[in-house]
Amino acid sequence: MSKPAPSLHDKLNQLRERFIEQLPSRLAQTAELWQQSRTTSEEQARLAPELHRFFHSLKGTGRSLGFERLALLADQAQEALTTSPARADIDTFISQLLLQMGHEQQHLRSHHGQQQALAAVNSFELSSQVEPLRNKRQRLIYLCDDEPEQVDQLIHHLRCFGHEVVQFIDTDTFFNAVLTRRPDAVIMDVQFPQGQTAGTETLTSLNKLTGQPLPAIVLSAHSDFHSRLSAVRAGCGGYFTKPVKPLDLMLAVDELTAPAAEEPLKVLVVDDEPEAAAYHALLLEESGMLTHQVHHPADALTVMERFSPDLLLVDVYMPVCSGEELASIIRQQPEHLGLPIIYLSSETDSQKQISAMSAGVEAFLTKPVQPEELVSAVQLRAERLRLLRSLMTRDSMTGLYNHSTTTELINKNLAQAHRDNSQHAMAMIDIDHFKHVNDTHGHLAGDQVIITLARLLKSRLRLSDIIGRYGGEEFVVLLKGINAEKAATLIDSLREDFALVDFHAGEVRFRCTFSAGISSFPAQPSTEPLRLSADQALYRAKHQGRNQVVISPELADDR
């Protein structure tokens, strides 16, 4: 009789035990590294990244496994190394922290310590179970209204866009739910039986208690000044009066919860000293950026092609090729003319700094650079480039990739798929009878339909998928790593939900549908044949009556 598979609880306990068993040797090794780092400034620079990594790892893993005190001690050590490496008592401070970590490890091996940690792990496991897996663009939305029949249509629309909606009819239940599981957004009524502004007062109390304002929108039958004032004081980002057009409120929630940037900033660090590169990369990664390190300037161009950085952080003095020479080489290529470059060097001579910047770089930071200064300088310039890129590559109405950028990205992904021997599917999507929508309801209503379909695609598809507006009412999607059948099933579910969205033109309510054609790579080996195949399938869907998804004929025949 075979043994049952270990549960998540058992796996966590095994992981905890291994972590505690390995900790003494890791602490001893770190203590040696710390003492070694104090011998010379060179050793300090060389070992700083490794020490940072150890404390950072200990903090994250310790907290995840329920070892909160260990995590707190590691956090203090990391903070001291990051923000106050030159403090007078740093030797004593770090040594004492390492000693306290050793005592904590011994405590955790005792029966009492194991019981405490076990309780923390059980709590961790429980909280993990109640959090469902959601697409990064999907949101958990709490809707609190004591007249649930009036918001059924709104809930339906929100769920069509893939959001998880939890409904409450009283403020007390809502209050406790927020403390247990924090939502991404709140839709709150103002008046409840407990008081004329009980809803917004509940939001204000939660904001004060948690110290983190809830992204919230008011939906109320009352539009008086007092109600609106209470919403402003509760930090609400919008105010809608009933009856509300579901699409209007849904788009407001979308705007309220949209992340500032869907992808972290990417920085390429070019420095011939691996330790220095790792240290500066670590500081940037601590702020949520992605980094890639290059230790020889000759490798920079190849890595740039693959990594597509938002900024280069370049050491000025490098053997074989200086930072100034590398910047000149990069600037000779049209595609990199606007790429921000920041020099990082121990050079303090202002004239030499000005001379080095003649290649067209954005800033010159002097080593040792303060972590806050480095992060701020990189973030400011990288975000500016990303904004400019977005203006050039995105469709202004929908925010999706424009025609030329979509084609370029699909070309690159298919080239990579050839190397990886992977499969992709393409969907060509077209809104049915769109000319009739414009002629009957006006171009503003038509724009609303286009924007809504774009948002539906963005909210329900993966960040890795390529979504573009191909022109007018036509969209193209490259669905990575799936075959035509799975793509058709996914697009068909979007089609069904889109057909249930209510649009408004004045007092007139109407609905729209779309048709789609699906093709597959590598059955079609490059972008143009792939697009033509999907387009033919789309034409077939239109010819067969619209509001349907059709797989390209050659793929359908092979099934």
Protein backbone atom coordinates (compact mmCIF):
# COMPACT_ATOMS: atom_id res chain seq x y z
CA MET A 1 0.00 0.00 0.00
CA SER A 2 1.56 3.29 -1.09
CA LYS A 3 2.03 6.15 1.35
CA PRO A 4 -0.19 9.22 0.89
CA ALA A 5 1.53 12.19 -0.70
CA PRO A 6 2.85 14.70 1.85
CA SER A 7 0.51 17.62 2.47
CA LEU A 8 1.47 21.27 2.13
CA HIS A 9 1.66 21.38 5.93
CA ASP A 10 4.17 18.47 5.95
CA LYS A 11 6.26 20.06 3.20
CA LEU A 12 6.39 23.33 5.09
CA ASN A 13 7.51 21.55 8.24
CA GLN A 14 10.25 19.71 6.34
CA LEU A 15 11.39 22.98 4.81
CA ARG A 16 11.44 24.62 8.25
CA GLU A 17 13.51 21.80 9.72
CA ARG A 18 16.08 21.94 6.91
CA PHE A 19 16.27 25.71 7.22
CA ILE A 20 16.97 25.56 10.98
CA GLU A 21 19.52 22.72 10.59
CA GLN A 22 21.50 24.66 7.97
CA LEU A 23 21.33 27.99 9.75
CA PRO A 24 24.30 27.54 12.19
CA SER A 25 26.80 26.90 9.40
CA ARG A 26 25.39 29.78 7.34
CA LEU A 27 25.65 32.14 10.31
CA ALA A 28 29.23 31.02 11.02
CA GLN A 29 30.20 31.55 7.39
CA THR A 30 28.57 34.99 7.37
CA ALA A 31 30.35 35.96 10.60
CA GLU A 32 33.67 35.08 8.96
CA LEU A 33 32.76 37.08 5.86
CA TRP A 34 31.80 40.04 8.03
CA GLN A 35 35.12 40.01 9.88
CA GLN A 36 36.96 39.61 6.59
CA SER A 37 35.06 42.54 5.10
CA ARG A 38 36.35 44.80 7.90
CA THR A 39 40.00 44.22 7.09
CA THR A 40 40.26 46.54 4.07
CA SER A 41 37.99 48.75 2.03
CA GLU A 42 38.60 46.46 -0.94
CA GLU A 43 37.35 43.46 1.00
CA GLN A 44 34.38 45.48 2.16
CA ALA A 45 33.42 46.34 -1.42
CA ARG A 46 33.99 42.78 -2.57
CA LEU A 47 31.95 41.13 0.17
CA ALA A 48 29.18 43.71 0.54
CA PRO A 49 26.91 42.14 -2.12
CA GLU A 50 27.21 38.68 -0.56
CA LEU A 51 26.44 40.02 2.92
CA HIS A 52 23.45 41.94 1.56
CA ARG A 53 22.19 38.85 -0.22
CA PHE A 54 22.47 36.70 2.91
CA PHE A 55 20.52 39.07 5.13
CA HIS A 56 17.97 39.74 2.39
CA SER A 57 17.44 36.02 1.85
CA LEU A 58 17.25 35.31 5.58
CA LYS A 59 14.65 38.05 6.02
CA GLY A 60 12.44 36.84 3.17
CA THR A 61 12.66 33.11 3.88
CA GLY A 62 12.39 33.58 7.64
CA ARG A 63 9.24 35.65 7.29
CA SER A 64 7.69 33.18 4.85
CA LEU A 65 8.32 30.24 7.19
CA GLY A 66 7.04 32.01 10.30
CA PHE A 67 10.45 32.84 11.86
CA GLU A 68 9.49 36.45 12.46
CA ARG A 69 12.23 37.33 14.96
CA LEU A 70 14.93 35.97 12.65
CA ALA A 71 13.47 38.03 9.83
CA LEU A 72 13.44 41.13 12.02
CA LEU A 73 17.11 40.70 12.98
CA ALA A 74 18.09 40.13 9.35
CA ASP A 75 16.10 43.20 8.33
CA GLN A 76 17.99 45.32 10.86
CA ALA A 77 21.33 44.04 9.55
CA GLN A 78 20.38 44.65 5.93
CA GLU A 79 19.10 48.12 6.78
CA ALA A 80 22.35 48.98 8.56
CA LEU A 81 24.50 47.78 5.65
CA THR A 82 22.34 49.62 3.13
CA THR A 83 21.73 52.96 4.80
CA SER A 84 24.44 53.33 7.46
CA PRO A 85 27.52 51.31 6.45
CA ALA A 86 29.83 53.97 7.90
CA ARG A 87 28.20 54.23 11.35
CA ALA A 88 30.78 54.17 14.13
CA ASP A 89 29.42 51.10 15.90
CA ILE A 90 28.72 49.05 12.78
CA ASP A 91 31.23 46.31 13.78
CA THR A 92 29.61 45.78 17.16
CA PHE A 93 26.10 46.19 15.81
CA ILE A 94 26.37 43.52 13.07
CA SER A 95 28.29 41.13 15.34
CA GLN A 96 25.61 41.41 18.02
CA LEU A 97 22.87 40.81 15.46
CA LEU A 98 24.64 37.66 14.23
CA LEU A 99 24.98 36.50 17.84
CA GLN A 100 21.27 37.12 18.47
CA MET A 101 20.43 35.15 15.32
CA GLY A 102 22.43 32.25 16.72
CA HIS A 103 20.49 32.41 20.00
CA GLU A 104 17.22 32.54 18.09
CA GLN A 105 18.24 29.48 16.07
CA GLN A 106 18.89 27.55 19.31
CA HIS A 107 15.51 28.69 20.67
CA LEU A 108 13.77 27.48 17.51
CA ARG A 109 15.28 24.03 17.98
CA SER A 110 13.76 23.83 21.48
CA HIS A 111 10.26 22.40 21.99
CA HIS A 112 8.78 25.77 22.98
CA GLY A 113 10.33 27.49 19.98
CA GLN A 114 9.04 24.82 17.61
CA GLN A 115 5.52 25.23 18.99
CA GLN A 116 5.65 29.00 18.45
CA ALA A 117 6.98 28.68 14.93
CA LEU A 118 4.48 25.93 14.13
CA ALA A 119 1.62 28.24 15.08
CA ALA A 120 3.06 30.92 12.80
CA VAL A 121 3.41 28.44 9.94
CA ASN A 122 -0.17 27.22 10.40
CA SER A 123 -1.34 30.83 10.21
CA PHE A 124 0.75 31.34 7.10
CA GLU A 125 -0.64 28.20 5.50
CA LEU A 126 -4.22 29.18 6.26
CA SER A 127 -3.84 32.66 4.80
CA SER A 128 -2.27 31.18 1.69
CA GLN A 129 -5.23 28.89 1.14
CA VAL A 130 -7.83 31.65 1.09
CA GLU A 131 -5.96 33.64 -1.57
CA PRO A 132 -7.00 32.34 -5.01
CA LEU A 133 -4.67 32.57 -7.96
CA ARG A 134 -5.61 35.52 -10.15
CA ASN A 135 -4.31 37.03 -13.35
CA LYS A 136 -2.07 40.01 -12.50
CA ARG A 137 -4.61 42.28 -14.19
CA GLN A 138 -7.60 40.79 -12.40
CA ARG A 139 -8.81 42.40 -9.17
CA LEU A 140 -10.51 41.41 -5.93
CA ILE A 141 -13.38 43.88 -5.51
CA TYR A 142 -15.55 44.30 -2.41
CA LEU A 143 -19.00 45.75 -3.08
CA CYS A 144 -20.91 46.90 0.01
CA ASP A 145 -24.55 47.89 -0.59
CA ASP A 146 -27.67 47.09 1.44
CA GLU A 147 -29.80 46.97 -1.73
CA PRO A 148 -28.16 44.00 -3.54
CA GLU A 149 -30.81 43.73 -6.26
CA GLN A 150 -29.71 47.13 -7.60
CA VAL A 151 -26.12 46.05 -8.26
CA ASP A 152 -26.63 42.61 -9.84
CA GLN A 153 -25.94 43.93 -13.34
CA LEU A 154 -22.81 45.73 -12.17
CA ILE A 155 -21.47 42.55 -10.55
CA HIS A 156 -22.15 40.66 -13.76
CA HIS A 157 -20.11 43.16 -15.79
CA LEU A 158 -17.21 43.12 -13.35
CA ARG A 159 -17.10 39.33 -13.46
CA CYS A 160 -17.19 39.39 -17.26
CA PHE A 161 -13.87 41.21 -17.08
CA GLY A 162 -12.42 38.43 -14.95
CA HIS A 163 -12.58 40.27 -11.61
CA GLU A 164 -13.51 38.49 -8.39
CA VAL A 165 -16.42 40.30 -6.71
CA VAL A 166 -17.48 39.73 -3.09
CA GLN A 167 -20.75 41.35 -2.05
CA PHE A 168 -21.68 42.62 1.45
CA ILE A 169 -24.97 44.05 2.69
CA ASP A 170 -23.72 45.48 6.00
CA THR A 171 -20.66 47.48 7.04
CA ASP A 172 -19.65 45.27 9.99
CA THR A 173 -19.17 42.16 7.84
CA PHE A 174 -17.36 44.27 5.26
CA PHE A 175 -15.08 45.76 7.96
CA ASN A 176 -14.00 42.34 9.25
CA ALA A 177 -13.52 40.99 5.72
CA VAL A 178 -11.09 43.80 4.85
CA LEU A 179 -8.99 43.01 7.93
CA THR A 180 -8.90 39.34 6.94
CA ARG A 181 -8.30 39.76 3.22
CA ARG A 182 -7.56 43.16 1.75
CA PRO A 183 -9.29 43.88 -1.58
CA ASP A 184 -7.83 45.69 -4.57
CA ALA A 185 -10.81 48.05 -4.72
CA VAL A 186 -14.03 48.89 -2.89
CA ILE A 187 -17.40 50.03 -4.20
CA MET A 188 -19.29 51.46 -1.21
CA ASP A 189 -22.74 52.90 -0.60
CA VAL A 190 -22.91 55.95 1.69
CA GLN A 191 -26.09 55.45 3.69
CA PHE A 192 -26.88 52.37 5.77
CA PRO A 193 -29.37 51.74 8.60
CA GLN A 194 -26.59 52.63 11.07
CA GLY A 195 -26.30 56.18 9.76
CA GLN A 196 -26.45 58.54 6.79
CA THR A 197 -22.69 58.26 6.17
CA ALA A 198 -22.03 54.86 7.76
CA GLY A 199 -20.41 53.52 4.58
CA THR A 200 -17.82 56.26 4.16
CA GLU A 201 -17.23 56.39 7.94
CA THR A 202 -16.37 52.68 7.79
CA LEU A 203 -13.84 53.38 5.04
CA THR A 204 -12.31 56.20 7.09
CA SER A 205 -11.97 53.92 10.13
CA LEU A 206 -10.30 51.19 8.08
CA ASN A 207 -7.88 53.66 6.52
CA LYS A 208 -6.83 54.94 9.94
CA LEU A 209 -6.58 51.46 11.42
CA THR A 210 -4.48 49.92 8.64
CA GLY A 211 -2.53 53.02 7.62
CA GLN A 212 -3.16 52.04 3.98
CA PRO A 213 -5.99 53.92 2.22
CA LEU A 214 -8.35 51.61 0.38
CA PRO A 215 -8.89 52.42 -3.32
CA ALA A 216 -12.62 53.15 -3.19
CA ILE A 217 -15.51 54.46 -5.26
CA VAL A 218 -18.91 55.51 -3.91
CA LEU A 219 -22.12 54.21 -5.46
CA SER A 220 -25.13 55.80 -3.81
CA ALA A 221 -28.71 56.82 -4.32
CA HIS A 222 -27.88 60.13 -2.61
CA SER A 223 -26.03 63.00 -4.23
CA ASP A 224 -26.24 65.67 -1.53
CA PHE A 225 -23.25 67.77 -0.51
CA HIS A 226 -22.84 66.07 2.89
CA SER A 227 -22.63 62.61 1.31
CA ARG A 228 -20.11 63.78 -1.27
CA LEU A 229 -18.02 65.50 1.41
CA SER A 230 -17.89 62.31 3.49
CA ALA A 231 -16.68 60.42 0.39
CA VAL A 232 -13.88 62.94 -0.21
CA ARG A 233 -12.83 62.73 3.44
CA ALA A 234 -12.74 58.93 3.15
CA GLY A 235 -10.33 59.25 0.23
CA CYS A 236 -12.73 57.89 -2.40
CA GLY A 237 -11.56 58.19 -5.98
CA GLY A 238 -15.00 58.56 -7.56
CA TYR A 239 -18.67 59.15 -6.83
CA PHE A 240 -21.53 57.65 -8.85
CA THR A 241 -25.26 58.03 -8.26
CA LYS A 242 -27.84 55.33 -8.91
CA PRO A 243 -28.95 54.25 -11.42
CA VAL A 244 -25.45 53.91 -12.82
CA LYS A 245 -24.33 52.61 -16.20
CA PRO A 246 -22.35 49.49 -15.25
CA LEU A 247 -19.74 50.09 -17.92
CA ASP A 248 -18.99 53.60 -16.62
CA LEU A 249 -18.43 52.40 -13.07
CA MET A 250 -16.50 49.35 -14.23
CA LEU A 251 -14.09 51.48 -16.26
CA ALA A 252 -13.63 53.78 -13.23
CA VAL A 253 -12.67 50.76 -11.10
CA ASP A 254 -10.28 49.71 -13.86
CA GLU A 255 -8.61 53.14 -13.80
CA LEU A 256 -8.50 53.20 -10.00
CA THR A 257 -6.72 49.85 -9.72
CA ALA A 258 -4.50 50.03 -12.81
CA PRO A 259 -0.85 49.52 -11.80
CA ALA A 260 1.52 52.40 -12.53
CA ALA A 261 3.69 50.05 -14.57
CA GLU A 262 2.82 46.50 -15.58
CA GLU A 263 6.46 45.47 -15.81
CA PRO A 264 9.40 46.42 -13.59
CA LEU A 265 12.02 48.77 -15.01
CA LYS A 266 14.99 46.95 -16.58
CA VAL A 267 18.55 48.18 -16.02
CA LEU A 268 21.73 46.86 -17.65
CA VAL A 269 24.75 47.31 -15.35
CA VAL A 270 28.09 47.40 -17.21
CA ASP A 271 31.12 47.23 -14.90
CA ASP A 272 34.33 45.24 -15.21
CA GLU A 273 34.33 44.69 -11.43
CA PRO A 274 31.79 41.93 -10.71
CA GLU A 275 31.50 42.90 -7.05
CA ALA A 276 30.70 46.53 -7.83
CA ALA A 277 28.21 45.51 -10.51
CA ALA A 278 26.52 43.09 -8.15
CA TYR A 279 26.32 45.68 -5.38
CA HIS A 280 24.68 48.32 -7.54
CA ALA A 281 22.40 45.73 -9.14
CA LEU A 282 21.34 44.64 -5.66
CA LEU A 283 20.39 48.19 -4.68
CA LEU A 284 18.26 48.53 -7.79
CA GLU A 285 16.64 45.13 -7.34
CA GLU A 286 15.73 46.09 -3.78
CA SER A 287 13.62 48.86 -5.32
CA GLY A 288 11.74 46.41 -7.56
CA MET A 289 13.78 46.74 -10.76
CA LEU A 290 15.12 43.94 -12.94
CA THR A 291 18.86 44.03 -13.62
CA HIS A 292 21.38 42.24 -15.82
CA GLN A 293 25.13 42.48 -15.26
CA VAL A 294 27.80 42.67 -17.96
CA HIS A 295 31.47 42.58 -16.97
CA HIS A 296 32.98 43.14 -20.40
CA PRO A 297 31.85 46.07 -22.59
CA ALA A 298 32.08 43.93 -25.73
CA ASP A 299 29.15 41.83 -24.47
CA ALA A 300 26.86 44.82 -23.90
CA LEU A 301 25.34 45.03 -27.39
CA THR A 302 24.42 41.35 -27.50
CA VAL A 303 22.80 41.51 -24.06
CA MET A 304 20.92 44.70 -24.97
CA GLU A 305 19.28 42.92 -27.90
CA ARG A 306 18.04 40.14 -25.64
CA PHE A 307 17.34 42.08 -22.42
CA SER A 308 15.87 45.31 -23.92
CA PRO A 309 16.86 47.55 -20.99
CA ASP A 310 15.17 50.83 -20.07
CA LEU A 311 18.54 52.27 -18.96
CA LEU A 312 22.28 51.52 -18.89
CA LEU A 313 24.37 52.06 -15.75
CA VAL A 314 27.97 52.16 -16.99
CA ASP A 315 31.31 52.39 -15.22
CA VAL A 316 33.54 55.04 -16.82
CA TYR A 317 36.96 53.47 -16.27
CA MET A 318 37.09 49.98 -17.74
CA PRO A 319 39.94 48.17 -19.48
CA VAL A 320 39.84 47.57 -23.25
CA CYS A 321 36.87 49.95 -23.72
CA SER A 322 35.98 52.93 -21.52
CA GLY A 323 32.45 53.85 -20.59
CA GLU A 324 32.71 56.93 -22.80
CA GLU A 325 33.72 54.78 -25.80
CA LEU A 326 30.91 52.30 -25.11
CA ALA A 327 28.37 55.13 -24.95
CA SER A 328 29.60 56.41 -28.32
CA ILE A 329 29.24 52.95 -29.88
CA ILE A 330 25.69 52.66 -28.55
CA ARG A 331 24.72 56.14 -29.77
CA GLN A 332 25.85 55.23 -33.31
CA GLN A 333 22.89 52.86 -33.58
CA PRO A 334 19.56 54.55 -34.36
CA GLU A 335 17.49 52.18 -32.23
CA HIS A 336 19.49 53.18 -29.13
CA LEU A 337 19.67 56.94 -29.68
CA GLY A 338 17.20 57.68 -26.89
CA LEU A 339 18.33 54.99 -24.44
CA PRO A 340 19.30 56.68 -21.13
CA ILE A 341 22.90 56.07 -19.99
CA ILE A 342 24.18 56.95 -16.53
CA TYR A 343 27.88 56.94 -15.74
CA LEU A 344 29.04 55.59 -12.40
CA SER A 345 32.61 56.34 -11.37
CA SER A 346 34.84 57.37 -8.49
CA GLU A 347 35.99 60.33 -10.59
CA THR A 348 35.38 63.63 -8.71
CA ASP A 349 37.00 66.06 -11.14
CA SER A 350 34.08 68.08 -12.56
CA GLN A 351 35.89 68.87 -15.82
CA LYS A 352 36.58 65.20 -16.47
CA GLN A 353 32.95 64.41 -15.68
CA ILE A 354 31.73 67.00 -18.20
CA SER A 355 34.16 65.65 -20.80
CA ALA A 356 32.99 62.08 -20.23
CA MET A 357 29.35 63.14 -20.75
CA SER A 358 30.07 64.42 -24.26
CA ALA A 359 28.88 61.10 -25.70
CA GLY A 360 25.34 62.07 -24.76
CA VAL A 361 24.71 60.49 -21.37
CA GLU A 362 22.05 61.66 -18.91
CA ALA A 363 23.90 61.77 -15.58
CA PHE A 364 27.20 61.18 -13.81
CA LEU A 365 27.05 59.58 -10.35
CA THR A 366 30.14 59.52 -8.16
CA LYS A 367 31.09 56.40 -6.21
CA PRO A 368 30.29 55.60 -3.50
CA VAL A 369 26.77 56.59 -4.46
CA GLN A 370 24.02 56.84 -1.88
CA PRO A 371 21.41 54.10 -2.48
CA GLU A 372 18.55 56.62 -2.56
CA GLU A 373 20.41 58.78 -5.07
CA LEU A 374 21.14 55.82 -7.34
CA VAL A 375 17.56 54.52 -7.28
CA SER A 376 16.08 57.98 -7.83
CA ALA A 377 18.41 58.84 -10.73
CA VAL A 378 17.77 55.52 -12.49
CA GLN A 379 14.02 55.50 -11.88
CA LEU A 380 13.43 59.05 -13.09
CA ARG A 381 15.26 58.59 -16.39
CA ALA A 382 14.08 55.04 -17.11
CA GLU A 383 10.44 55.93 -16.52
CA ARG A 384 10.78 58.93 -18.83
CA LEU A 385 12.07 56.69 -21.63
CA ARG A 386 9.31 54.17 -21.00
CA LEU A 387 6.72 56.95 -21.31
CA LEU A 388 8.24 58.15 -24.60
CA ARG A 389 8.36 54.59 -25.90
CA SER A 390 4.73 54.12 -24.93
CA LEU A 391 3.68 57.22 -26.86
CA MET A 392 5.46 55.90 -29.94
CA THR A 393 4.38 52.25 -29.71
CA ARG A 394 0.86 52.41 -28.26
CA ASP A 395 -2.49 53.21 -29.79
CA SER A 396 -3.66 56.44 -28.18
CA MET A 397 -7.29 55.37 -27.78
CA THR A 398 -6.92 51.88 -26.31
CA GLY A 399 -3.39 51.80 -24.90
CA LEU A 400 -2.75 48.58 -26.85
CA TYR A 401 0.25 48.18 -29.15
CA ASN A 402 -0.21 49.93 -32.48
CA HIS A 403 -0.07 48.13 -35.84
CA SER A 404 3.68 48.49 -36.53
CA THR A 405 4.75 47.67 -32.97
CA THR A 406 2.47 44.62 -32.86
CA THR A 407 4.00 43.29 -36.07
CA GLU A 408 7.53 43.91 -34.81
CA LEU A 409 6.85 42.13 -31.49
CA ILE A 410 5.24 39.16 -33.21
CA ASN A 411 8.24 38.89 -35.54
CA LYS A 412 10.62 38.79 -32.58
CA ASN A 413 8.55 36.24 -30.67
CA LEU A 414 8.24 33.92 -33.65
CA ALA A 415 12.00 34.12 -34.22
CA GLN A 416 12.51 33.11 -30.59
CA ALA A 417 9.89 30.36 -30.94
CA HIS A 418 11.86 28.92 -33.87
CA ARG A 419 14.91 28.68 -31.61
CA ASP A 420 12.93 27.26 -28.68
CA ASN A 421 10.80 24.91 -30.80
CA SER A 422 7.68 26.28 -29.09
CA GLN A 423 4.15 26.88 -30.35
CA HIS A 424 1.95 29.98 -30.41
CA ALA A 425 -1.54 30.83 -31.61
CA MET A 426 -2.77 34.01 -33.28
CA ALA A 427 -6.28 35.44 -33.06
CA MET A 428 -7.62 38.07 -35.44
CA ILE A 429 -10.68 39.73 -33.83
CA ASP A 430 -13.18 42.05 -35.50
CA ILE A 431 -16.23 43.78 -33.98
CA ASP A 432 -19.39 42.74 -35.81
CA HIS A 433 -21.49 45.37 -37.64
CA PHE A 434 -19.27 48.13 -36.32
CA LYS A 435 -20.23 50.57 -39.10
CA HIS A 436 -23.84 50.13 -38.05
CA VAL A 437 -22.88 51.04 -34.44
CA ASN A 438 -21.24 54.26 -35.63
CA ASP A 439 -24.06 55.13 -38.01
CA THR A 440 -26.82 54.40 -35.50
CA HIS A 441 -25.34 55.48 -32.16
CA GLY A 442 -22.53 57.84 -33.15
CA HIS A 443 -18.75 57.69 -33.12
CA LEU A 444 -18.48 58.30 -29.37
CA ALA A 445 -20.49 55.14 -28.77
CA GLY A 446 -18.28 53.31 -31.28
CA ASP A 447 -15.18 54.48 -29.44
CA GLN A 448 -16.69 53.18 -26.19
CA VAL A 449 -17.14 49.73 -27.76
CA ILE A 450 -13.52 49.66 -29.03
CA ILE A 451 -12.13 50.77 -25.66
CA THR A 452 -14.22 48.20 -23.79
CA LEU A 453 -13.07 45.31 -25.96
CA ALA A 454 -9.46 46.46 -25.53
CA ARG A 455 -9.88 46.50 -21.75
CA LEU A 456 -11.54 43.09 -21.80
CA LEU A 457 -8.60 41.63 -23.71
CA LYS A 458 -6.08 43.25 -21.34
CA SER A 459 -7.91 42.13 -18.20
CA ARG A 460 -8.42 38.52 -19.24
CA LEU A 461 -5.25 37.68 -21.17
CA ARG A 462 -1.77 37.19 -19.76
CA LEU A 463 0.88 39.88 -19.44
CA SER A 464 3.11 37.80 -21.72
CA ASP A 465 0.58 37.72 -24.57
CA ILE A 466 0.87 40.38 -27.29
CA ILE A 467 -2.34 42.38 -27.78
CA GLY A 468 -2.52 44.96 -30.54
CA ARG A 469 -5.05 47.18 -32.26
CA TYR A 470 -4.52 46.30 -35.88
CA GLY A 471 -6.69 49.07 -37.27
CA GLY A 472 -10.20 50.45 -36.79
CA GLU A 473 -12.30 47.80 -35.05
CA GLU A 474 -9.80 44.97 -35.66
CA PHE A 475 -7.47 43.49 -33.03
CA VAL A 476 -4.71 40.90 -33.15
CA VAL A 477 -3.52 38.71 -30.28
CA LEU A 478 -0.50 36.39 -30.11
CA LEU A 479 -1.21 33.78 -27.42
CA LYS A 480 2.07 32.27 -26.35
CA GLY A 481 2.71 28.62 -25.67
CA ILE A 482 -0.75 27.27 -26.54
CA ASN A 483 -2.25 25.49 -29.55
CA ALA A 484 -5.11 26.64 -31.75
CA GLU A 485 -7.78 24.61 -29.91
CA LYS A 486 -6.94 26.12 -26.50
CA ALA A 487 -6.73 29.57 -28.06
CA ALA A 488 -10.16 29.13 -29.63
CA THR A 489 -11.67 28.07 -26.29
CA LEU A 490 -10.15 31.09 -24.53
CA ILE A 491 -11.22 33.63 -27.18
CA ASP A 492 -14.68 32.07 -27.31
CA SER A 493 -15.17 32.64 -23.56
CA LEU A 494 -14.22 36.30 -24.11
CA ARG A 495 -16.68 36.47 -27.00
CA GLU A 496 -19.51 35.18 -24.81
CA ASP A 497 -18.81 37.71 -22.06
CA PHE A 498 -18.35 40.64 -24.45
CA ALA A 499 -21.77 39.90 -25.95
CA LEU A 500 -23.36 40.48 -22.51
CA VAL A 501 -21.86 43.93 -21.90
CA ASP A 502 -24.39 46.76 -22.03
CA PHE A 503 -23.43 49.93 -23.90
CA HIS A 504 -25.30 53.22 -23.76
CA ALA A 505 -25.81 56.02 -26.28
CA GLY A 506 -27.91 58.58 -24.46
CA GLU A 507 -30.94 56.68 -23.18
CA VAL A 508 -30.51 53.86 -25.72
CA ARG A 509 -28.95 50.60 -24.55
CA PHE A 510 -27.29 48.23 -27.01
CA ARG A 511 -24.94 45.26 -27.17
CA CYS A 512 -22.16 44.22 -29.54
CA THR A 513 -20.48 41.00 -30.59
CA PHE A 514 -17.21 40.08 -32.26
CA SER A 515 -15.94 37.37 -34.57
CA ALA A 516 -12.47 35.81 -34.48
CA GLY A 517 -10.19 33.64 -36.58
CA ILE A 518 -7.43 31.44 -35.13
CA SER A 519 -4.16 30.31 -36.74
CA SER A 520 -1.17 28.49 -35.30
CA PHE A 521 2.63 28.57 -35.32
CA PRO A 522 4.64 26.61 -36.49
CA ALA A 523 1.92 25.38 -38.89
CA GLN A 524 2.33 28.87 -40.35
CA PRO A 525 6.07 29.60 -40.11
CA SER A 526 6.19 33.42 -40.05
CA THR A 527 4.16 36.50 -39.22
CA GLU A 528 2.51 37.21 -42.57
CA PRO A 529 1.34 33.64 -43.33
CA LEU A 530 0.17 33.38 -39.72
CA ARG A 531 -1.85 36.61 -40.05
CA LEU A 532 -3.30 35.64 -43.44
CA SER A 533 -4.37 32.26 -42.10
CA ALA A 534 -6.09 33.86 -39.10
CA ASP A 535 -7.66 36.47 -41.40
CA GLN A 536 -9.10 33.76 -43.63
CA ALA A 537 -10.58 32.05 -40.58
CA LEU A 538 -12.03 35.40 -39.49
CA TYR A 539 -13.62 35.87 -42.93
CA ARG A 540 -15.13 32.41 -42.58
CA ALA A 541 -16.57 33.32 -39.15
CA LYS A 542 -18.14 36.45 -40.66
CA HIS A 543 -19.51 34.51 -43.64
CA GLN A 544 -21.05 31.86 -41.35
CA GLY A 545 -23.11 34.41 -39.46
CA ARG A 546 -20.68 36.34 -37.18
CA ASN A 547 -20.41 36.18 -33.37
CA GLN A 548 -18.27 33.05 -33.47
CA VAL A 549 -14.66 31.82 -33.35
CA VAL A 550 -13.29 29.78 -36.24
CA ILE A 551 -9.98 27.91 -36.46
CA SER A 552 -8.12 28.26 -39.77
CA PRO A 553 -9.28 25.61 -42.30
CA GLU A 554 -5.95 23.81 -42.60
CA LEU A 555 -5.77 23.33 -38.82
CA ALA A 556 -9.40 22.32 -38.58
CA ASP A 557 -8.87 19.70 -41.29
CA ASP A 558 -5.91 18.23 -39.36
CA ARG A 559 -7.90 17.58 -36.19
